[in-house]
Amino acid sequence: MGNIFIYWTLQSFCLLTCIICGAIISKSKYNYWKTAFPLVIVYSLVEGLRWNRGVDYPHYCQDLISYSYADYSEPLYLGWISLFKASGLSYWVAFVLYSALLIISYLKLVKNFRNSAYLSLPLFFIITNLAAENLIRQYLAVPFVILCIDQVWRKKWIVAGAFALVAANIHYSAIIPLAVIALYEISKLGKVQVFFRKLTLTKKPYILIALFLFTFFFWKSSYMNELAGYIFMFDISTEAHGAGYLSDRWLTTEGIADFSGQRQISLIARTLMLGTYLPAIYFGFYAMKNNAKVGICFWFSYLAIIIDNIRGDFEIYDRIEQWFLYITPVLYAIVYENIKSRNIKIAYGILLFLQFFFYSFIKNIGSMPYFGCAFVWDK
């Protein structure tokens, strides 16, 4: 069960460490990694030592201790768990390493936008915390997607390709964000870039905003039934572990009726979401024009926002959203940092605080987390 006071004390300490390290990184010229080192230690231990942190946790514990829970087909993940079992180390060491890998890779990404680290680091902790705790193998692959992005920015294509292969061979669905990265880079090549520059879509953000508003206000869960038809066209039946997700239970309204009911979001929450997402799309679009590195951050964030609008309670779409969600803190921070109007900046800062710091964290302090509050010493 765990101690709820200890849980929230450690969670608050981790968030505070994100804020302090982010502020120092943003405002000083101290060595980046020396400044970030305390955050690496705190995050790795607080998150890595969490026990039974979601429905998938026992499965991945089993992988590390005895036999594999599922018939995985990703060779690198299979190789890793075999190597770890041979080491004789306690299972929790692996989870600490998973968390360390995630925060280190994210810090490497943030280094490209260190002026906004004071906001992107705490937002990363708040936004990804629950998913990173539960979707363990997916978030083991996420760092290698992030490292792939960093190497793409450096034009080190072979290294980027190597990281992409690692990600896909830990979790095959990593091909989703990797395909987006590839398409974005292809769009910048020669004649392809000339073609895209002529499109209205690439000149102004209004079509993107219109699509966002449609999915935000008018999307219905029943539309998923139509969308599922296209997904079923991709036959992955040979991959047993993944094939289980491609069923009516996971992809259509049958899954909603069978499982958890329609996704309920309060009017206040929807208002905050609208106020957070809309400026991120509008100002992020123009930030992308001024800084080429923002491009991938923008498109990852835009996809995460659109998927969040349409996913309802379908778990498979939530898992797809997670492939892009971890980049959104970077875009939110860049947008906030680059807003010129003082009044708009204050307003957006208030929205970010209410949406994430207050409603997603402060308001929940003292309540029992969805995945419990235990650490390994509570086992």
Protein backbone atom coordinates (compact mmCIF):
# COMPACT_ATOMS: atom_id res chain seq x y z
CA MET A 1 0.00 0.00 0.00
CA GLY A 2 2.73 2.46 0.97
CA ASN A 3 2.74 5.69 2.91
CA ILE A 4 0.88 8.50 1.19
CA PHE A 5 2.78 11.19 3.10
CA ILE A 6 6.14 9.79 1.99
CA TYR A 7 4.86 9.47 -1.57
CA TRP A 8 3.77 13.09 -1.88
CA THR A 9 6.86 14.35 -0.05
CA LEU A 10 9.12 12.61 -2.56
CA GLN A 11 7.00 13.64 -5.54
CA SER A 12 7.04 17.27 -4.37
CA PHE A 13 10.79 17.09 -3.77
CA CYS A 14 11.30 15.76 -7.31
CA LEU A 15 9.17 18.56 -8.79
CA LEU A 16 11.03 21.14 -6.70
CA THR A 17 14.34 19.74 -7.96
CA CYS A 18 13.06 20.11 -11.54
CA ILE A 19 12.15 23.75 -10.84
CA ILE A 20 15.45 24.65 -9.13
CA CYS A 21 17.72 22.88 -11.63
CA GLY A 22 15.69 24.27 -14.53
CA ALA A 23 15.96 27.81 -13.16
CA ILE A 24 19.73 27.54 -12.69
CA ILE A 25 20.20 26.03 -16.16
CA SER A 26 18.11 28.79 -17.75
CA LYS A 27 19.64 31.78 -15.98
CA SER A 28 23.31 30.83 -15.57
CA LYS A 29 26.27 29.71 -17.64
CA TYR A 30 27.30 26.97 -15.23
CA ASN A 31 28.28 23.61 -16.68
CA TYR A 32 25.03 22.12 -17.95
CA TRP A 33 25.47 18.53 -16.83
CA LYS A 34 26.90 19.44 -13.42
CA THR A 35 23.84 21.61 -12.84
CA ALA A 36 21.50 18.87 -14.06
CA PHE A 37 23.19 16.08 -12.08
CA PRO A 38 21.06 16.50 -8.90
CA LEU A 39 17.91 16.17 -11.00
CA VAL A 40 19.22 12.98 -12.63
CA ILE A 41 19.82 11.43 -9.20
CA VAL A 42 16.55 12.56 -7.63
CA TYR A 43 14.34 11.67 -10.59
CA SER A 44 16.01 8.29 -11.13
CA LEU A 45 15.57 7.25 -7.50
CA VAL A 46 12.11 8.70 -6.84
CA GLU A 47 10.63 7.23 -10.02
CA GLY A 48 12.80 4.13 -10.27
CA LEU A 49 12.10 2.97 -6.72
CA ARG A 50 8.32 3.16 -7.11
CA TRP A 51 6.72 -0.23 -6.49
CA ASN A 52 3.77 -1.69 -8.38
CA ARG A 53 3.39 1.58 -10.28
CA GLY A 54 0.63 0.52 -12.65
CA VAL A 55 -1.00 -2.54 -14.14
CA ASP A 56 2.04 -3.38 -16.29
CA TYR A 57 4.58 -3.20 -13.46
CA PRO A 58 4.20 -6.85 -12.28
CA HIS A 59 4.65 -8.02 -15.86
CA TYR A 60 7.94 -6.22 -16.32
CA CYS A 61 9.11 -7.29 -12.87
CA GLN A 62 8.44 -10.86 -13.93
CA ASP A 63 10.53 -10.31 -17.09
CA LEU A 64 13.50 -9.33 -14.90
CA ILE A 65 13.11 -12.01 -12.24
CA SER A 66 11.88 -15.20 -13.88
CA TYR A 67 10.40 -15.94 -17.31
CA SER A 68 9.04 -13.43 -19.83
CA TYR A 69 5.45 -12.36 -19.21
CA ALA A 70 4.61 -12.20 -22.93
CA ASP A 71 5.87 -13.54 -26.23
CA TYR A 72 7.88 -10.42 -27.06
CA SER A 73 9.31 -10.22 -30.54
CA GLU A 74 11.59 -7.22 -29.99
CA PRO A 75 15.12 -8.71 -29.93
CA LEU A 76 16.85 -5.92 -28.02
CA TYR A 77 14.33 -6.03 -25.18
CA LEU A 78 14.66 -9.82 -25.01
CA GLY A 79 18.43 -9.51 -25.01
CA TRP A 80 18.31 -6.90 -22.28
CA ILE A 81 16.18 -8.92 -19.88
CA SER A 82 18.38 -12.00 -20.45
CA LEU A 83 21.48 -9.96 -19.71
CA PHE A 84 19.94 -8.40 -16.62
CA LYS A 85 18.82 -11.74 -15.20
CA ALA A 86 22.34 -13.08 -15.72
CA SER A 87 23.77 -10.15 -13.75
CA GLY A 88 22.03 -11.24 -10.56
CA LEU A 89 21.06 -7.67 -9.69
CA SER A 90 17.80 -6.88 -7.90
CA TYR A 91 14.85 -6.05 -10.18
CA TRP A 92 14.57 -2.47 -8.88
CA VAL A 93 18.01 -1.60 -10.28
CA ALA A 94 16.57 -1.97 -13.78
CA PHE A 95 13.72 0.43 -13.04
CA VAL A 96 16.16 3.01 -11.65
CA LEU A 97 18.18 2.65 -14.87
CA TYR A 98 15.00 3.08 -16.95
CA SER A 99 14.20 6.34 -15.15
CA ALA A 100 17.79 7.56 -15.40
CA LEU A 101 17.84 6.90 -19.13
CA LEU A 102 14.58 8.81 -19.59
CA ILE A 103 15.61 11.93 -17.67
CA ILE A 104 19.13 12.02 -19.16
CA SER A 105 17.79 11.79 -22.71
CA TYR A 106 15.23 14.49 -22.01
CA LEU A 107 17.90 16.75 -20.50
CA LYS A 108 19.94 16.26 -23.67
CA LEU A 109 16.93 17.46 -25.66
CA VAL A 110 16.34 20.43 -23.34
CA LYS A 111 19.98 21.48 -23.71
CA ASN A 112 19.03 22.72 -27.17
CA PHE A 113 16.54 25.13 -25.54
CA ARG A 114 18.17 25.74 -22.17
CA ASN A 115 16.73 29.28 -21.81
CA SER A 116 13.31 27.73 -21.23
CA ALA A 117 14.46 24.85 -19.00
CA TYR A 118 12.93 26.54 -15.94
CA LEU A 119 9.52 25.62 -17.37
CA SER A 120 10.14 22.59 -19.59
CA LEU A 121 11.71 20.47 -16.83
CA PRO A 122 8.92 20.72 -14.24
CA LEU A 123 6.30 20.39 -16.99
CA PHE A 124 7.97 17.21 -18.20
CA PHE A 125 7.73 15.68 -14.73
CA ILE A 126 4.07 16.62 -14.33
CA ILE A 127 2.92 15.70 -17.84
CA THR A 128 4.71 12.35 -18.23
CA ASN A 129 4.80 11.09 -14.65
CA LEU A 130 1.85 8.68 -14.64
CA ALA A 131 2.45 7.34 -18.15
CA ALA A 132 6.19 6.85 -17.60
CA GLU A 133 5.44 4.90 -14.43
CA ASN A 134 2.94 2.58 -16.12
CA LEU A 135 3.95 2.23 -19.79
CA ILE A 136 7.34 0.90 -18.81
CA ARG A 137 8.64 -0.71 -22.01
CA GLN A 138 7.29 2.11 -24.18
CA TYR A 139 9.07 4.66 -22.01
CA LEU A 140 12.20 2.54 -22.18
CA ALA A 141 12.12 3.10 -25.96
CA VAL A 142 11.23 6.82 -25.68
CA PRO A 143 14.79 7.90 -24.69
CA PHE A 144 16.17 6.41 -27.90
CA VAL A 145 13.57 8.30 -29.96
CA ILE A 146 14.68 11.48 -28.16
CA LEU A 147 18.35 10.69 -28.80
CA CYS A 148 17.48 10.05 -32.45
CA ILE A 149 15.92 13.52 -32.66
CA ASP A 150 19.02 15.08 -31.08
CA GLN A 151 21.29 13.37 -33.61
CA VAL A 152 19.03 14.40 -36.50
CA TRP A 153 19.48 17.99 -35.39
CA ARG A 154 23.25 17.43 -35.46
CA LYS A 155 22.99 15.91 -38.98
CA LYS A 156 24.60 12.70 -37.68
CA TRP A 157 22.40 10.41 -39.71
CA ILE A 158 24.14 7.11 -38.99
CA VAL A 159 24.00 7.62 -35.23
CA ALA A 160 20.39 8.79 -35.52
CA GLY A 161 19.56 5.66 -37.49
CA ALA A 162 21.24 3.49 -34.85
CA PHE A 163 19.14 5.06 -32.09
CA ALA A 164 16.02 4.57 -34.23
CA LEU A 165 16.81 0.87 -34.61
CA VAL A 166 17.33 0.52 -30.87
CA ALA A 167 13.98 2.19 -30.14
CA ALA A 168 12.07 0.02 -32.62
CA ASN A 169 13.69 -3.16 -31.30
CA ILE A 170 12.67 -2.36 -27.75
CA HIS A 171 9.09 -1.48 -28.69
CA TYR A 172 7.96 -1.96 -32.28
CA SER A 173 5.39 0.85 -32.10
CA ALA A 174 8.32 3.29 -31.91
CA ILE A 175 8.09 3.26 -35.70
CA ILE A 176 5.19 5.71 -35.28
CA PRO A 177 7.25 8.69 -34.00
CA LEU A 178 10.24 7.60 -36.08
CA ALA A 179 8.08 7.78 -39.23
CA VAL A 180 7.03 11.32 -38.28
CA ILE A 181 10.68 12.31 -37.84
CA ALA A 182 11.56 10.81 -41.22
CA LEU A 183 8.64 12.50 -43.00
CA TYR A 184 9.50 15.86 -41.46
CA GLU A 185 13.12 15.60 -42.57
CA ILE A 186 12.08 14.50 -46.07
CA SER A 187 9.78 17.56 -46.27
CA LYS A 188 12.87 19.78 -45.94
CA LEU A 189 14.69 18.27 -48.92
CA GLY A 190 15.16 20.27 -52.14
CA LYS A 191 12.13 20.10 -54.43
CA VAL A 192 10.00 18.60 -51.66
CA GLN A 193 10.63 21.68 -49.54
CA VAL A 194 9.77 23.96 -52.47
CA PHE A 195 6.48 22.08 -52.92
CA PHE A 196 5.53 22.32 -49.24
CA ARG A 197 6.34 26.02 -49.13
CA LYS A 198 3.61 26.61 -51.71
CA LEU A 199 0.97 24.94 -49.56
CA THR A 200 -1.31 27.12 -47.44
CA LEU A 201 -0.80 24.64 -44.61
CA THR A 202 2.85 25.64 -44.28
CA LYS A 203 2.33 29.40 -44.55
CA LYS A 204 -0.19 30.12 -41.82
CA PRO A 205 -1.43 28.08 -38.84
CA TYR A 206 -5.14 28.58 -39.53
CA ILE A 207 -5.84 25.18 -41.14
CA LEU A 208 -4.11 23.48 -38.24
CA ILE A 209 -6.13 25.57 -35.80
CA ALA A 210 -9.35 24.72 -37.66
CA LEU A 211 -8.58 20.99 -37.42
CA PHE A 212 -7.81 21.41 -33.73
CA LEU A 213 -11.09 23.25 -33.10
CA PHE A 214 -13.07 20.61 -35.01
CA THR A 215 -11.59 17.74 -33.02
CA PHE A 216 -11.90 19.68 -29.77
CA PHE A 217 -15.55 20.69 -30.11
CA PHE A 218 -17.17 18.32 -32.61
CA TRP A 219 -15.36 14.99 -32.56
CA LYS A 220 -17.53 12.04 -31.52
CA SER A 221 -16.42 8.68 -30.18
CA SER A 222 -18.46 6.95 -32.90
CA TYR A 223 -15.99 8.30 -35.47
CA MET A 224 -13.51 5.81 -34.03
CA ASN A 225 -15.49 3.01 -35.65
CA GLU A 226 -14.66 4.46 -39.07
CA LEU A 227 -11.04 5.10 -38.13
CA ALA A 228 -10.66 1.54 -36.87
CA GLY A 229 -11.51 0.25 -40.34
CA TYR A 230 -8.35 1.81 -41.73
CA ILE A 231 -6.22 0.52 -38.85
CA PHE A 232 -7.48 -3.03 -39.43
CA MET A 233 -6.08 -2.77 -42.96
CA PHE A 234 -2.61 -3.15 -41.44
CA ASP A 235 -2.25 -6.85 -40.69
CA ILE A 236 0.05 -7.29 -37.69
CA SER A 237 -1.33 -10.66 -36.72
CA THR A 238 2.17 -12.12 -36.86
CA GLU A 239 3.15 -9.99 -33.86
CA ALA A 240 1.13 -11.70 -31.15
CA HIS A 241 1.72 -9.23 -28.36
CA GLY A 242 0.71 -6.24 -30.48
CA ALA A 243 -2.13 -7.93 -32.31
CA GLY A 244 -4.18 -8.06 -29.14
CA TYR A 245 -4.64 -4.31 -29.33
CA LEU A 246 -6.16 -4.40 -32.80
CA SER A 247 -9.65 -5.49 -31.82
CA ASP A 248 -13.04 -3.89 -31.33
CA ARG A 249 -12.35 -3.95 -27.60
CA TRP A 250 -9.48 -1.50 -28.04
CA LEU A 251 -10.33 0.50 -31.15
CA THR A 252 -14.07 1.13 -31.36
CA THR A 253 -16.99 2.29 -29.25
CA GLU A 254 -17.43 -1.31 -28.16
CA GLY A 255 -14.32 -0.74 -26.09
CA ILE A 256 -15.86 2.29 -24.41
CA ALA A 257 -19.09 0.51 -23.54
CA ASP A 258 -17.20 -2.55 -22.32
CA PHE A 259 -14.59 -0.82 -20.25
CA SER A 260 -14.72 2.63 -18.76
CA GLY A 261 -17.50 4.77 -20.19
CA GLN A 262 -17.15 8.02 -22.06
CA ARG A 263 -14.20 10.18 -21.10
CA GLN A 264 -15.55 12.81 -18.74
CA ILE A 265 -13.83 16.21 -18.65
CA SER A 266 -15.19 19.12 -16.64
CA LEU A 267 -15.98 22.49 -18.21
CA ILE A 268 -13.12 24.08 -16.26
CA ALA A 269 -10.68 21.43 -17.47
CA ARG A 270 -11.81 21.82 -21.08
CA THR A 271 -11.48 25.60 -20.84
CA LEU A 272 -7.93 25.26 -19.54
CA MET A 273 -7.10 22.73 -22.26
CA LEU A 274 -8.38 25.12 -24.93
CA GLY A 275 -6.43 28.01 -23.43
CA THR A 276 -3.26 25.93 -23.27
CA TYR A 277 -3.43 24.17 -26.62
CA LEU A 278 -4.56 27.02 -28.88
CA PRO A 279 -1.67 29.45 -28.12
CA ALA A 280 0.78 26.54 -28.31
CA ILE A 281 -0.37 25.82 -31.86
CA TYR A 282 -0.50 29.44 -32.98
CA PHE A 283 2.73 30.73 -31.43
CA GLY A 284 4.50 27.38 -31.83
CA PHE A 285 3.87 27.48 -35.58
CA TYR A 286 5.73 30.78 -35.87
CA ALA A 287 8.46 29.68 -33.45
CA MET A 288 9.07 26.79 -35.86
CA LYS A 289 9.71 29.32 -38.63
CA ASN A 290 12.40 31.04 -36.54
CA ASN A 291 14.17 27.96 -35.23
CA ALA A 292 14.47 24.80 -37.34
CA LYS A 293 14.86 22.61 -34.23
CA VAL A 294 11.41 23.62 -33.04
CA GLY A 295 9.90 21.91 -36.10
CA ILE A 296 9.90 18.36 -34.74
CA CYS A 297 8.84 19.66 -31.33
CA PHE A 298 5.89 21.45 -32.91
CA TRP A 299 4.66 18.54 -35.00
CA PHE A 300 5.06 16.03 -32.16
CA SER A 301 3.11 18.38 -29.89
CA TYR A 302 0.43 19.05 -32.48
CA LEU A 303 -0.12 15.33 -33.01
CA ALA A 304 -0.28 14.79 -29.24
CA ILE A 305 -2.92 17.52 -28.94
CA ILE A 306 -5.06 16.18 -31.80
CA ILE A 307 -4.86 12.61 -30.52
CA ASP A 308 -5.76 13.81 -27.04
CA ASN A 309 -8.87 15.45 -28.50
CA ILE A 310 -10.08 12.32 -30.25
CA ARG A 311 -8.83 9.44 -28.12
CA GLY A 312 -11.63 9.32 -25.55
CA ASP A 313 -11.08 6.31 -23.27
CA PHE A 314 -9.50 4.13 -25.95
CA GLU A 315 -6.23 2.88 -24.47
CA ILE A 316 -4.56 2.17 -27.80
CA TYR A 317 -4.90 5.83 -28.86
CA ASP A 318 -3.62 6.97 -25.47
CA ARG A 319 -0.55 4.82 -26.03
CA ILE A 320 -0.05 6.38 -29.46
CA GLU A 321 -0.39 9.84 -27.91
CA GLN A 322 2.39 8.96 -25.48
CA TRP A 323 4.82 8.66 -28.38
CA PHE A 324 4.49 12.42 -28.86
CA LEU A 325 3.39 13.79 -25.48
CA TYR A 326 6.82 13.98 -23.84
CA ILE A 327 7.84 16.70 -26.33
CA THR A 328 4.94 19.03 -25.44
CA PRO A 329 6.68 20.52 -22.36
CA VAL A 330 9.43 21.78 -24.65
CA LEU A 331 6.94 23.50 -26.96
CA TYR A 332 4.91 25.00 -24.12
CA ALA A 333 8.10 26.43 -22.59
CA ILE A 334 9.39 27.77 -25.92
CA VAL A 335 6.04 29.42 -26.66
CA TYR A 336 5.88 31.01 -23.21
CA GLU A 337 9.48 32.20 -23.45
CA ASN A 338 8.98 33.77 -26.91
CA ILE A 339 5.66 35.57 -26.38
CA LYS A 340 6.42 39.28 -26.79
CA SER A 341 3.26 40.81 -25.34
CA ARG A 342 3.57 41.10 -21.56
CA ASN A 343 -0.17 40.69 -20.99
CA ILE A 344 -0.47 37.63 -23.23
CA LYS A 345 2.58 36.11 -21.58
CA ILE A 346 1.12 36.62 -18.11
CA ALA A 347 -2.21 35.15 -19.23
CA TYR A 348 -0.56 32.13 -20.79
CA GLY A 349 1.61 31.64 -17.72
CA ILE A 350 -1.51 31.58 -15.54
CA LEU A 351 -3.14 29.02 -17.83
CA LEU A 352 -0.06 26.78 -17.73
CA PHE A 353 0.08 27.04 -13.95
CA LEU A 354 -3.59 26.19 -13.51
CA GLN A 355 -3.63 23.41 -16.12
CA PHE A 356 -0.51 21.60 -15.00
CA PHE A 357 0.92 22.79 -11.70
CA PHE A 358 -2.39 23.28 -9.91
CA TYR A 359 -4.94 20.86 -11.37
CA SER A 360 -2.48 18.13 -12.35
CA PHE A 361 -0.30 18.27 -9.21
CA ILE A 362 -1.06 20.63 -6.32
CA LYS A 363 -4.79 19.82 -6.26
CA ASN A 364 -3.99 16.12 -5.98
CA ILE A 365 -1.54 16.35 -3.08
CA GLY A 366 -2.75 14.13 -0.27
CA SER A 367 -5.01 12.01 -2.48
CA MET A 368 -4.32 8.36 -3.30
CA PRO A 369 -2.63 8.11 -6.72
CA TYR A 370 -4.28 5.95 -9.36
CA PHE A 371 -1.39 3.48 -9.23
CA GLY A 372 -0.94 3.55 -5.46
CA CYS A 373 1.86 5.17 -3.46
CA ALA A 374 4.21 2.31 -2.65
CA PHE A 375 7.98 2.16 -3.01
CA VAL A 376 10.20 -0.92 -3.11
CA TRP A 377 10.65 -0.84 0.67
CA ASP A 378 6.87 -1.25 1.02
CA LYS A 379 6.87 -4.55 -0.90
